């Protein structure tokens, strides 16, 4: 009787551990924990600006957690947390139709369109280096260029610890974390 009870005490927790492991590894649970909203807008802009939609989703997750009217303490607005001056600058670079800087903090389409264009522009400026582009999205391209030119940081993910701004270092780490999570959970062509 005692042996049987002892065996149950071992087997039951073992079964629970295995079931928990299977539950945690399931795709539906991962998609529930790491959802992607505004899929249509993300896919449309990813195609238009030749970006991986999963990187746009990861940036949105870190910047605003998909909250349209998010405002940072520094004044960045909208779903992709764009500074008003940056939105004005972006709008002068290309014809975006009826989009206005004030729409960035209110409409998913405006925020994702201007944010995606800006990510692509930063990638162009920094030779398609995603990690450097993400740092520039957060700290500004001038500051990141200075770090690279001064040899403070070499622009590689493995040396993020060398980024002098803790906020930027943490930002890039978080975006890359979500990007890698999304790559495991979603098809980048359909976000399903």
N, C-alpha and C. Protein backbone atom coordinates (compact mmCIF):
# COMPACT_ATOMS: atom_id res chain seq x y z
N UNK A 1 0.82 -1.19 0.00
CA UNK A 1 0.00 0.00 0.00
C UNK A 1 0.87 1.26 0.00
N UNK A 2 1.91 1.29 0.87
CA UNK A 2 2.79 2.44 0.94
C UNK A 2 3.58 2.60 -0.34
N UNK A 3 3.98 1.47 -0.96
CA UNK A 3 4.72 1.53 -2.22
C UNK A 3 3.86 2.13 -3.32
N UNK A 4 2.62 1.71 -3.37
CA UNK A 4 1.71 2.20 -4.39
C UNK A 4 1.48 3.71 -4.22
N UNK A 5 1.32 4.15 -3.00
CA UNK A 5 1.12 5.56 -2.71
C UNK A 5 2.38 6.36 -3.07
N UNK A 6 3.53 5.80 -2.77
CA UNK A 6 4.80 6.46 -3.10
C UNK A 6 4.96 6.58 -4.62
N UNK A 7 4.59 5.52 -5.34
CA UNK A 7 4.68 5.53 -6.80
C UNK A 7 3.74 6.59 -7.38
N UNK A 8 2.53 6.73 -6.83
CA UNK A 8 1.58 7.73 -7.29
C UNK A 8 2.13 9.14 -7.06
N UNK A 9 2.83 9.32 -5.95
CA UNK A 9 3.42 10.63 -5.65
C UNK A 9 4.50 11.00 -6.65
N UNK A 10 5.13 10.03 -7.23
CA UNK A 10 6.18 10.28 -8.22
C UNK A 10 5.57 10.40 -9.61
N UNK A 11 4.65 9.50 -9.95
CA UNK A 11 4.08 9.46 -11.29
C UNK A 11 3.19 10.68 -11.56
N UNK A 12 2.36 11.05 -10.62
CA UNK A 12 1.44 12.17 -10.82
C UNK A 12 2.19 13.48 -11.12
N UNK A 13 3.17 13.87 -10.32
CA UNK A 13 3.92 15.09 -10.67
C UNK A 13 4.64 14.98 -12.01
N UNK A 14 5.13 13.78 -12.33
CA UNK A 14 5.81 13.58 -13.60
C UNK A 14 4.84 13.80 -14.77
N UNK A 15 3.64 13.27 -14.64
CA UNK A 15 2.62 13.47 -15.68
C UNK A 15 2.27 14.95 -15.78
N UNK A 16 2.13 15.62 -14.66
CA UNK A 16 1.82 17.06 -14.67
C UNK A 16 2.93 17.87 -15.34
N UNK A 17 4.16 17.51 -15.09
CA UNK A 17 5.29 18.20 -15.71
C UNK A 17 5.27 18.00 -17.22
N UNK A 18 5.02 16.78 -17.66
CA UNK A 18 4.97 16.49 -19.10
C UNK A 18 3.81 17.24 -19.76
N UNK A 19 2.64 17.21 -19.14
CA UNK A 19 1.48 17.93 -19.70
C UNK A 19 1.72 19.43 -19.74
N UNK A 20 2.33 19.96 -18.70
CA UNK A 20 2.66 21.39 -18.68
C UNK A 20 3.63 21.73 -19.80
N UNK A 21 4.62 20.88 -20.00
CA UNK A 21 5.58 21.10 -21.09
C UNK A 21 4.91 21.10 -22.45
N UNK A 22 4.00 20.16 -22.66
CA UNK A 22 3.27 20.11 -23.93
C UNK A 22 2.38 21.33 -24.10
N UNK A 23 1.75 21.74 -23.02
CA UNK A 23 0.87 22.91 -23.05
C UNK A 23 1.66 24.17 -23.39
N UNK A 24 2.80 24.34 -22.76
CA UNK A 24 3.63 25.53 -22.99
C UNK A 24 4.19 25.55 -24.41
N UNK A 25 4.48 24.40 -24.98
CA UNK A 25 5.06 24.34 -26.32
C UNK A 25 4.01 24.45 -27.43
N UNK A 26 2.74 24.46 -27.07
CA UNK A 26 1.71 24.48 -28.10
C UNK A 26 1.67 25.83 -28.81
N UNK A 27 1.40 25.79 -30.11
CA UNK A 27 1.35 27.02 -30.91
C UNK A 27 0.19 27.91 -30.50
N UNK A 28 -0.96 27.32 -30.25
CA UNK A 28 -2.12 28.16 -29.91
C UNK A 28 -1.89 28.92 -28.62
N UNK A 29 -1.21 28.31 -27.67
CA UNK A 29 -0.91 29.01 -26.42
C UNK A 29 0.08 30.14 -26.70
N UNK A 30 1.08 29.85 -27.51
CA UNK A 30 2.05 30.89 -27.87
C UNK A 30 1.39 32.05 -28.57
N UNK A 31 0.46 31.76 -29.45
CA UNK A 31 -0.24 32.84 -30.17
C UNK A 31 -1.18 33.60 -29.24
N UNK A 32 -1.66 32.94 -28.22
CA UNK A 32 -2.50 33.61 -27.23
C UNK A 32 -1.65 34.55 -26.37
N UNK A 33 -0.46 34.09 -26.01
CA UNK A 33 0.45 34.91 -25.19
C UNK A 33 1.09 36.01 -26.01
N UNK A 34 1.39 35.73 -27.28
CA UNK A 34 2.06 36.69 -28.17
C UNK A 34 1.17 36.98 -29.39
N UNK A 35 0.05 37.65 -29.17
CA UNK A 35 -0.85 37.92 -30.31
C UNK A 35 -0.32 39.02 -31.22
N UNK A 36 -0.80 39.04 -32.43
CA UNK A 36 -0.50 40.12 -33.37
C UNK A 36 -1.83 40.74 -33.80
N UNK A 37 -1.98 42.02 -33.56
CA UNK A 37 -3.16 42.76 -34.00
C UNK A 37 -2.81 43.56 -35.25
N UNK A 38 -3.82 44.08 -35.92
CA UNK A 38 -3.65 44.92 -37.11
C UNK A 38 -2.87 44.20 -38.22
N UNK A 39 -3.19 42.92 -38.38
CA UNK A 39 -2.46 42.09 -39.35
C UNK A 39 -2.55 42.64 -40.77
N UNK A 40 -3.72 43.10 -41.17
CA UNK A 40 -3.90 43.60 -42.53
C UNK A 40 -2.98 44.80 -42.81
N UNK A 41 -2.95 45.76 -41.88
CA UNK A 41 -2.10 46.94 -42.06
C UNK A 41 -0.62 46.57 -42.06
N UNK A 42 -0.26 45.64 -41.17
CA UNK A 42 1.14 45.21 -41.10
C UNK A 42 1.55 44.53 -42.40
N UNK A 43 0.73 43.60 -42.88
CA UNK A 43 1.07 42.88 -44.11
C UNK A 43 1.15 43.82 -45.31
N UNK A 44 0.22 44.76 -45.41
CA UNK A 44 0.21 45.70 -46.53
C UNK A 44 1.49 46.54 -46.54
N UNK A 45 1.87 47.07 -45.38
CA UNK A 45 3.06 47.92 -45.32
C UNK A 45 4.35 47.12 -45.43
N UNK A 46 4.34 45.90 -44.91
CA UNK A 46 5.52 45.05 -45.05
C UNK A 46 5.81 44.78 -46.52
N UNK A 47 4.76 44.51 -47.27
CA UNK A 47 4.93 44.27 -48.71
C UNK A 47 5.38 45.55 -49.42
N UNK A 48 4.73 46.65 -49.11
CA UNK A 48 5.03 47.92 -49.77
C UNK A 48 6.47 48.36 -49.53
N UNK A 49 6.96 48.17 -48.30
CA UNK A 49 8.31 48.65 -47.96
C UNK A 49 9.34 47.53 -47.87
N UNK A 50 8.96 46.35 -48.34
CA UNK A 50 9.86 45.20 -48.40
C UNK A 50 10.49 44.90 -47.04
N UNK A 51 9.62 44.76 -46.05
CA UNK A 51 10.05 44.43 -44.69
C UNK A 51 9.41 43.10 -44.28
N UNK A 52 10.02 42.45 -43.33
CA UNK A 52 9.41 41.26 -42.75
C UNK A 52 8.27 41.75 -41.85
N UNK A 53 7.04 41.29 -42.07
CA UNK A 53 5.93 41.75 -41.23
C UNK A 53 6.14 41.42 -39.76
N UNK A 54 6.91 40.39 -39.49
CA UNK A 54 7.13 40.01 -38.09
C UNK A 54 8.01 41.02 -37.36
N UNK A 55 8.89 41.71 -38.08
CA UNK A 55 9.69 42.75 -37.41
C UNK A 55 8.82 43.96 -37.12
N UNK A 56 7.89 44.27 -38.02
CA UNK A 56 6.96 45.38 -37.75
C UNK A 56 6.13 45.03 -36.51
N UNK A 57 5.63 43.80 -36.46
CA UNK A 57 4.83 43.36 -35.31
C UNK A 57 5.64 43.43 -34.02
N UNK A 58 6.90 43.03 -34.07
CA UNK A 58 7.75 43.06 -32.88
C UNK A 58 7.99 44.49 -32.42
N UNK A 59 8.22 45.40 -33.35
CA UNK A 59 8.42 46.81 -32.99
C UNK A 59 7.15 47.35 -32.33
N UNK A 60 6.00 47.05 -32.92
CA UNK A 60 4.74 47.52 -32.35
C UNK A 60 4.54 46.96 -30.95
N UNK A 61 4.84 45.69 -30.78
CA UNK A 61 4.68 45.05 -29.46
C UNK A 61 5.50 45.78 -28.41
N UNK A 62 6.74 46.10 -28.74
CA UNK A 62 7.62 46.77 -27.77
C UNK A 62 7.24 48.24 -27.61
N UNK A 63 6.94 48.91 -28.70
CA UNK A 63 6.66 50.35 -28.64
C UNK A 63 5.36 50.68 -27.91
N UNK A 64 4.27 49.96 -28.22
CA UNK A 64 2.97 50.36 -27.67
C UNK A 64 2.10 49.20 -27.20
N UNK A 65 2.56 47.99 -27.42
CA UNK A 65 1.74 46.80 -27.15
C UNK A 65 0.38 46.91 -27.85
N UNK A 66 0.41 47.44 -29.08
CA UNK A 66 -0.75 47.55 -29.95
C UNK A 66 -1.79 48.58 -29.47
N UNK A 67 -1.37 49.51 -28.63
CA UNK A 67 -2.29 50.56 -28.17
C UNK A 67 -2.18 51.75 -29.11
N UNK A 68 -3.28 52.06 -29.78
CA UNK A 68 -3.30 53.11 -30.80
C UNK A 68 -2.92 54.49 -30.27
N UNK A 69 -3.44 54.85 -29.13
CA UNK A 69 -3.25 56.21 -28.64
C UNK A 69 -2.16 56.30 -27.58
N UNK A 70 -1.20 55.39 -27.62
CA UNK A 70 -0.09 55.42 -26.67
C UNK A 70 0.73 56.69 -26.86
N UNK A 71 1.16 57.27 -25.74
CA UNK A 71 2.03 58.44 -25.76
C UNK A 71 3.16 58.18 -24.77
N UNK A 72 4.40 58.32 -25.22
CA UNK A 72 5.54 58.09 -24.34
C UNK A 72 5.82 59.33 -23.50
N UNK A 73 6.58 59.18 -22.42
CA UNK A 73 6.96 60.35 -21.62
C UNK A 73 7.74 61.40 -22.43
N UNK A 74 8.41 60.96 -23.49
CA UNK A 74 9.18 61.89 -24.33
C UNK A 74 8.35 62.50 -25.45
N UNK A 75 7.10 62.04 -25.60
CA UNK A 75 6.21 62.63 -26.60
C UNK A 75 5.99 61.82 -27.86
N UNK A 76 6.58 60.62 -27.96
CA UNK A 76 6.33 59.76 -29.12
C UNK A 76 4.88 59.28 -29.06
N UNK A 77 4.25 59.20 -30.23
CA UNK A 77 2.82 58.89 -30.25
C UNK A 77 2.49 57.71 -31.15
N UNK A 78 1.36 57.10 -30.83
CA UNK A 78 0.79 56.08 -31.70
C UNK A 78 1.33 54.69 -31.52
N UNK A 79 0.84 53.84 -32.37
CA UNK A 79 1.12 52.42 -32.29
C UNK A 79 2.60 52.09 -32.49
N UNK A 80 3.31 52.91 -33.28
CA UNK A 80 4.75 52.68 -33.49
C UNK A 80 5.59 53.77 -32.83
N UNK A 81 4.97 54.56 -31.95
CA UNK A 81 5.65 55.55 -31.12
C UNK A 81 6.61 56.43 -31.92
N UNK A 82 6.04 57.21 -32.79
CA UNK A 82 6.82 58.12 -33.64
C UNK A 82 6.78 59.52 -33.04
N UNK A 83 7.93 60.16 -32.95
CA UNK A 83 7.98 61.55 -32.47
C UNK A 83 7.28 62.43 -33.50
N UNK A 84 6.52 63.44 -33.07
CA UNK A 84 5.82 64.32 -34.02
C UNK A 84 6.76 64.95 -35.06
N UNK A 85 7.97 65.36 -34.64
CA UNK A 85 8.92 65.94 -35.60
C UNK A 85 9.35 64.91 -36.64
N UNK A 86 9.51 63.66 -36.21
CA UNK A 86 9.88 62.60 -37.14
C UNK A 86 8.74 62.34 -38.12
N UNK A 87 7.51 62.34 -37.63
CA UNK A 87 6.35 62.15 -38.51
C UNK A 87 6.30 63.26 -39.55
N UNK A 88 6.52 64.51 -39.12
CA UNK A 88 6.54 65.63 -40.07
C UNK A 88 7.64 65.44 -41.12
N UNK A 89 8.82 65.02 -40.68
CA UNK A 89 9.95 64.79 -41.59
C UNK A 89 9.61 63.69 -42.59
N UNK A 90 9.06 62.58 -42.10
CA UNK A 90 8.70 61.46 -42.98
C UNK A 90 7.71 61.93 -44.05
N UNK A 91 6.72 62.70 -43.64
CA UNK A 91 5.69 63.16 -44.57
C UNK A 91 6.25 64.08 -45.66
N UNK A 92 7.38 64.72 -45.39
CA UNK A 92 8.03 65.57 -46.41
C UNK A 92 8.88 64.75 -47.38
N UNK A 93 9.19 63.50 -47.04
CA UNK A 93 10.08 62.68 -47.86
C UNK A 93 9.37 62.00 -49.03
N UNK A 94 8.08 61.75 -48.87
CA UNK A 94 7.35 60.97 -49.86
C UNK A 94 5.87 61.37 -49.82
N UNK A 95 5.16 61.10 -50.88
CA UNK A 95 3.72 61.40 -50.91
C UNK A 95 2.97 60.26 -50.24
N UNK A 96 2.37 60.57 -49.11
CA UNK A 96 1.59 59.57 -48.37
C UNK A 96 0.09 59.82 -48.50
N UNK A 97 -0.29 60.53 -49.55
CA UNK A 97 -1.72 60.79 -49.77
C UNK A 97 -2.29 61.70 -48.71
N UNK A 98 -3.37 61.25 -48.08
CA UNK A 98 -4.08 62.07 -47.10
C UNK A 98 -3.53 61.97 -45.68
N UNK A 99 -2.48 61.20 -45.46
CA UNK A 99 -1.96 61.03 -44.10
C UNK A 99 -1.42 62.35 -43.56
N UNK A 100 -1.69 62.56 -42.28
CA UNK A 100 -1.19 63.75 -41.59
C UNK A 100 -0.48 63.31 -40.32
N UNK A 101 0.46 64.11 -39.86
CA UNK A 101 1.23 63.78 -38.66
C UNK A 101 0.31 63.54 -37.46
N UNK A 102 -0.76 64.31 -37.34
CA UNK A 102 -1.66 64.16 -36.19
C UNK A 102 -2.39 62.81 -36.20
N UNK A 103 -2.48 62.17 -37.37
CA UNK A 103 -3.16 60.88 -37.48
C UNK A 103 -2.34 59.73 -36.88
N UNK A 104 -1.04 59.94 -36.77
CA UNK A 104 -0.14 58.87 -36.30
C UNK A 104 -0.52 58.40 -34.90
N UNK A 105 -0.98 59.31 -34.06
CA UNK A 105 -1.36 58.95 -32.70
C UNK A 105 -2.79 58.47 -32.55
N UNK A 106 -3.51 58.37 -33.67
CA UNK A 106 -4.93 58.01 -33.59
C UNK A 106 -5.33 56.83 -34.46
N UNK A 107 -4.63 56.62 -35.56
CA UNK A 107 -5.04 55.60 -36.53
C UNK A 107 -3.93 54.57 -36.75
N UNK A 108 -4.31 53.30 -36.72
CA UNK A 108 -3.33 52.24 -36.96
C UNK A 108 -2.70 52.37 -38.34
N UNK A 109 -3.52 52.65 -39.34
CA UNK A 109 -3.00 52.75 -40.71
C UNK A 109 -1.91 53.82 -40.80
N UNK A 110 -2.16 54.99 -40.24
CA UNK A 110 -1.18 56.08 -40.31
C UNK A 110 0.09 55.73 -39.56
N UNK A 111 -0.05 55.23 -38.35
CA UNK A 111 1.13 54.89 -37.55
C UNK A 111 1.96 53.79 -38.16
N UNK A 112 1.31 52.74 -38.65
CA UNK A 112 2.04 51.61 -39.23
C UNK A 112 2.66 52.00 -40.56
N UNK A 113 1.97 52.81 -41.34
CA UNK A 113 2.52 53.25 -42.63
C UNK A 113 3.78 54.08 -42.42
N UNK A 114 3.69 55.12 -41.60
CA UNK A 114 4.86 55.99 -41.39
C UNK A 114 5.97 55.25 -40.64
N UNK A 115 5.60 54.44 -39.66
CA UNK A 115 6.61 53.68 -38.93
C UNK A 115 7.34 52.68 -39.81
N UNK A 116 6.60 52.01 -40.68
CA UNK A 116 7.22 51.03 -41.59
C UNK A 116 8.13 51.73 -42.59
N UNK A 117 7.67 52.86 -43.12
CA UNK A 117 8.52 53.63 -44.04
C UNK A 117 9.82 54.02 -43.35
N UNK A 118 9.72 54.45 -42.10
CA UNK A 118 10.89 54.89 -41.35
C UNK A 118 11.85 53.73 -41.08
N UNK A 119 11.32 52.57 -40.73
CA UNK A 119 12.18 51.40 -40.52
C UNK A 119 12.94 51.09 -41.81
N UNK A 120 12.24 51.11 -42.94
CA UNK A 120 12.90 50.84 -44.22
C UNK A 120 13.95 51.89 -44.53
N UNK A 121 13.66 53.15 -44.25
CA UNK A 121 14.63 54.22 -44.47
C UNK A 121 15.87 54.03 -43.60
N UNK A 122 15.68 53.64 -42.37
CA UNK A 122 16.82 53.38 -41.48
C UNK A 122 17.63 52.19 -41.97
N UNK A 123 16.96 51.17 -42.46
CA UNK A 123 17.69 50.03 -43.02
C UNK A 123 18.50 50.46 -44.23
N UNK A 124 17.94 51.33 -45.06
CA UNK A 124 18.68 51.85 -46.21
C UNK A 124 19.92 52.63 -45.73
N UNK A 125 19.75 53.47 -44.74
CA UNK A 125 20.86 54.27 -44.22
C UNK A 125 21.95 53.41 -43.60
N UNK A 126 21.57 52.29 -43.00
CA UNK A 126 22.52 51.46 -42.27
C UNK A 126 22.75 50.11 -42.95
N UNK A 127 22.80 50.12 -44.28
CA UNK A 127 23.17 48.94 -45.08
C UNK A 127 22.39 47.68 -44.72
N UNK A 128 21.08 47.84 -44.52
CA UNK A 128 20.18 46.72 -44.24
C UNK A 128 20.51 45.99 -42.93
N UNK A 129 21.27 46.61 -42.04
CA UNK A 129 21.59 46.00 -40.75
C UNK A 129 20.40 46.21 -39.82
N UNK A 130 19.66 45.15 -39.56
CA UNK A 130 18.44 45.24 -38.76
C UNK A 130 18.71 45.74 -37.35
N UNK A 131 19.72 45.21 -36.70
CA UNK A 131 20.00 45.57 -35.32
C UNK A 131 20.36 47.05 -35.20
N UNK A 132 21.18 47.53 -36.11
CA UNK A 132 21.55 48.95 -36.11
C UNK A 132 20.32 49.81 -36.41
N UNK A 133 19.50 49.36 -37.34
CA UNK A 133 18.28 50.10 -37.68
C UNK A 133 17.34 50.21 -36.48
N UNK A 134 17.23 49.14 -35.71
CA UNK A 134 16.40 49.17 -34.52
C UNK A 134 16.95 50.14 -33.48
N UNK A 135 18.26 50.13 -33.31
CA UNK A 135 18.88 51.09 -32.38
C UNK A 135 18.61 52.51 -32.84
N UNK A 136 18.70 52.75 -34.14
CA UNK A 136 18.45 54.09 -34.69
C UNK A 136 16.98 54.48 -34.55
N UNK A 137 16.08 53.52 -34.65
CA UNK A 137 14.65 53.80 -34.47
C UNK A 137 14.42 54.34 -33.06
N UNK A 138 15.17 53.82 -32.11
CA UNK A 138 14.99 54.22 -30.71
C UNK A 138 15.81 55.46 -30.33
N UNK A 139 17.08 55.48 -30.67
CA UNK A 139 17.97 56.56 -30.21
C UNK A 139 18.13 57.68 -31.23
N UNK A 140 17.76 57.40 -32.47
CA UNK A 140 17.96 58.37 -33.55
C UNK A 140 19.15 58.00 -34.39
N UNK A 141 19.06 58.19 -35.71
CA UNK A 141 20.15 57.77 -36.60
C UNK A 141 21.45 58.53 -36.38
N UNK A 142 21.38 59.79 -36.01
CA UNK A 142 22.60 60.56 -35.78
C UNK A 142 23.40 60.02 -34.61
N UNK A 143 22.73 59.70 -33.54
CA UNK A 143 23.39 59.17 -32.35
C UNK A 143 24.02 57.81 -32.65
N UNK A 144 23.28 56.95 -33.34
CA UNK A 144 23.80 55.61 -33.65
C UNK A 144 24.98 55.71 -34.61
N UNK A 145 24.90 56.60 -35.59
CA UNK A 145 26.02 56.79 -36.51
C UNK A 145 27.27 57.23 -35.75
N UNK A 146 27.08 58.09 -34.77
CA UNK A 146 28.20 58.55 -33.94
C UNK A 146 28.82 57.38 -33.18
N UNK A 147 28.00 56.51 -32.60
CA UNK A 147 28.52 55.34 -31.89
C UNK A 147 29.34 54.46 -32.82
N UNK A 148 28.82 54.25 -34.01
CA UNK A 148 29.52 53.40 -34.98
C UNK A 148 30.83 54.06 -35.44
N UNK A 149 30.77 55.35 -35.77
CA UNK A 149 31.96 56.07 -36.24
C UNK A 149 33.04 56.16 -35.17
N UNK A 150 32.62 56.31 -33.91
CA UNK A 150 33.58 56.44 -32.81
C UNK A 150 34.07 55.08 -32.30
N UNK A 151 33.52 53.99 -32.85
CA UNK A 151 33.93 52.65 -32.42
C UNK A 151 33.38 52.25 -31.07
N UNK A 152 32.36 52.95 -30.60
CA UNK A 152 31.74 52.63 -29.31
C UNK A 152 30.98 51.31 -29.41
N UNK A 153 30.35 51.09 -30.55
CA UNK A 153 29.57 49.87 -30.80
C UNK A 153 29.82 49.45 -32.24
N UNK A 154 29.93 48.14 -32.48
CA UNK A 154 30.21 47.66 -33.84
C UNK A 154 28.96 47.30 -34.64
N UNK A 155 27.78 47.49 -34.05
CA UNK A 155 26.54 47.26 -34.78
C UNK A 155 26.06 45.82 -34.81
N UNK A 156 26.62 44.97 -33.99
CA UNK A 156 26.23 43.55 -33.99
C UNK A 156 25.37 43.22 -32.78
N UNK A 157 24.46 42.28 -32.98
CA UNK A 157 23.58 41.86 -31.89
C UNK A 157 24.37 41.29 -30.71
N UNK A 158 25.47 40.63 -31.01
CA UNK A 158 26.28 40.01 -29.95
C UNK A 158 26.96 41.04 -29.05
N UNK A 159 27.05 42.29 -29.51
CA UNK A 159 27.73 43.32 -28.71
C UNK A 159 26.77 44.43 -28.28
N UNK A 160 25.52 44.11 -28.12
CA UNK A 160 24.54 45.12 -27.68
C UNK A 160 24.95 45.75 -26.35
N UNK A 161 25.68 45.02 -25.53
CA UNK A 161 26.11 45.55 -24.24
C UNK A 161 26.96 46.81 -24.39
N UNK A 162 27.53 47.03 -25.59
CA UNK A 162 28.37 48.20 -25.83
C UNK A 162 27.56 49.46 -26.15
N UNK A 163 26.27 49.32 -26.39
CA UNK A 163 25.44 50.50 -26.67
C UNK A 163 25.41 51.35 -25.40
N UNK A 164 25.80 52.63 -25.51
CA UNK A 164 25.90 53.46 -24.32
C UNK A 164 24.57 53.80 -23.65
N UNK A 165 23.48 53.79 -24.38
CA UNK A 165 22.17 54.09 -23.80
C UNK A 165 21.50 52.80 -23.35
N UNK A 166 21.27 52.66 -22.06
CA UNK A 166 20.60 51.48 -21.54
C UNK A 166 19.22 51.27 -22.15
N UNK A 167 18.49 52.36 -22.34
CA UNK A 167 17.15 52.27 -22.93
C UNK A 167 17.21 51.67 -24.34
N UNK A 168 18.17 52.13 -25.13
CA UNK A 168 18.30 51.63 -26.51
C UNK A 168 18.76 50.18 -26.52
N UNK A 169 19.71 49.86 -25.67
CA UNK A 169 20.19 48.48 -25.57
C UNK A 169 19.02 47.55 -25.22
N UNK A 170 18.25 47.92 -24.22
CA UNK A 170 17.11 47.11 -23.78
C UNK A 170 16.04 47.05 -24.88
N UNK A 171 15.82 48.16 -25.56
CA UNK A 171 14.84 48.21 -26.64
C UNK A 171 15.18 47.21 -27.74
N UNK A 172 16.42 47.23 -28.20
CA UNK A 172 16.84 46.32 -29.28
C UNK A 172 16.71 44.87 -28.81
N UNK A 173 17.12 44.59 -27.58
CA UNK A 173 17.01 43.24 -27.05
C UNK A 173 15.55 42.77 -27.05
N UNK A 174 14.65 43.64 -26.61
CA UNK A 174 13.23 43.27 -26.55
C UNK A 174 12.64 43.07 -27.94
N UNK A 175 12.93 43.96 -28.87
CA UNK A 175 12.39 43.80 -30.23
C UNK A 175 12.90 42.49 -30.83
N UNK A 176 14.18 42.19 -30.67
CA UNK A 176 14.72 40.95 -31.23
C UNK A 176 14.11 39.73 -30.54
N UNK A 177 13.84 39.83 -29.24
CA UNK A 177 13.19 38.74 -28.51
C UNK A 177 11.82 38.44 -29.12
N UNK A 178 10.99 39.49 -29.29
CA UNK A 178 9.66 39.29 -29.86
C UNK A 178 9.73 38.86 -31.32
N UNK A 179 10.68 39.40 -32.05
CA UNK A 179 10.84 39.00 -33.45
C UNK A 179 11.11 37.50 -33.55
N UNK A 180 11.99 37.00 -32.72
CA UNK A 180 12.31 35.57 -32.73
C UNK A 180 11.12 34.73 -32.26
N UNK A 181 10.38 35.22 -31.26
CA UNK A 181 9.17 34.52 -30.80
C UNK A 181 8.16 34.44 -31.94
N UNK A 182 7.92 35.57 -32.60
CA UNK A 182 6.96 35.61 -33.70
C UNK A 182 7.39 34.69 -34.84
N UNK A 183 8.69 34.61 -35.11
CA UNK A 183 9.18 33.73 -36.17
C UNK A 183 8.85 32.27 -35.87
N UNK A 184 8.84 31.90 -34.60
CA UNK A 184 8.51 30.52 -34.23
C UNK A 184 7.01 30.24 -34.31
N UNK A 185 6.20 31.28 -34.13
CA UNK A 185 4.76 31.09 -34.00
C UNK A 185 3.94 31.41 -35.25
N UNK A 186 4.45 32.30 -36.09
CA UNK A 186 3.64 32.81 -37.20
C UNK A 186 4.33 32.63 -38.55
N UNK A 187 3.50 32.49 -39.58
CA UNK A 187 3.97 32.48 -40.96
C UNK A 187 4.11 33.94 -41.38
N UNK A 188 5.28 34.34 -41.83
CA UNK A 188 5.50 35.76 -42.14
C UNK A 188 4.74 36.22 -43.38
N UNK A 189 4.23 35.31 -44.18
CA UNK A 189 3.46 35.71 -45.36
C UNK A 189 2.00 36.05 -45.03
N UNK A 190 1.48 35.42 -43.97
CA UNK A 190 0.06 35.59 -43.66
C UNK A 190 -0.22 36.01 -42.22
N UNK A 191 0.79 35.93 -41.37
CA UNK A 191 0.65 36.20 -39.93
C UNK A 191 -0.37 35.27 -39.27
N UNK A 192 -0.43 34.05 -39.80
CA UNK A 192 -1.32 33.04 -39.19
C UNK A 192 -0.48 31.89 -38.68
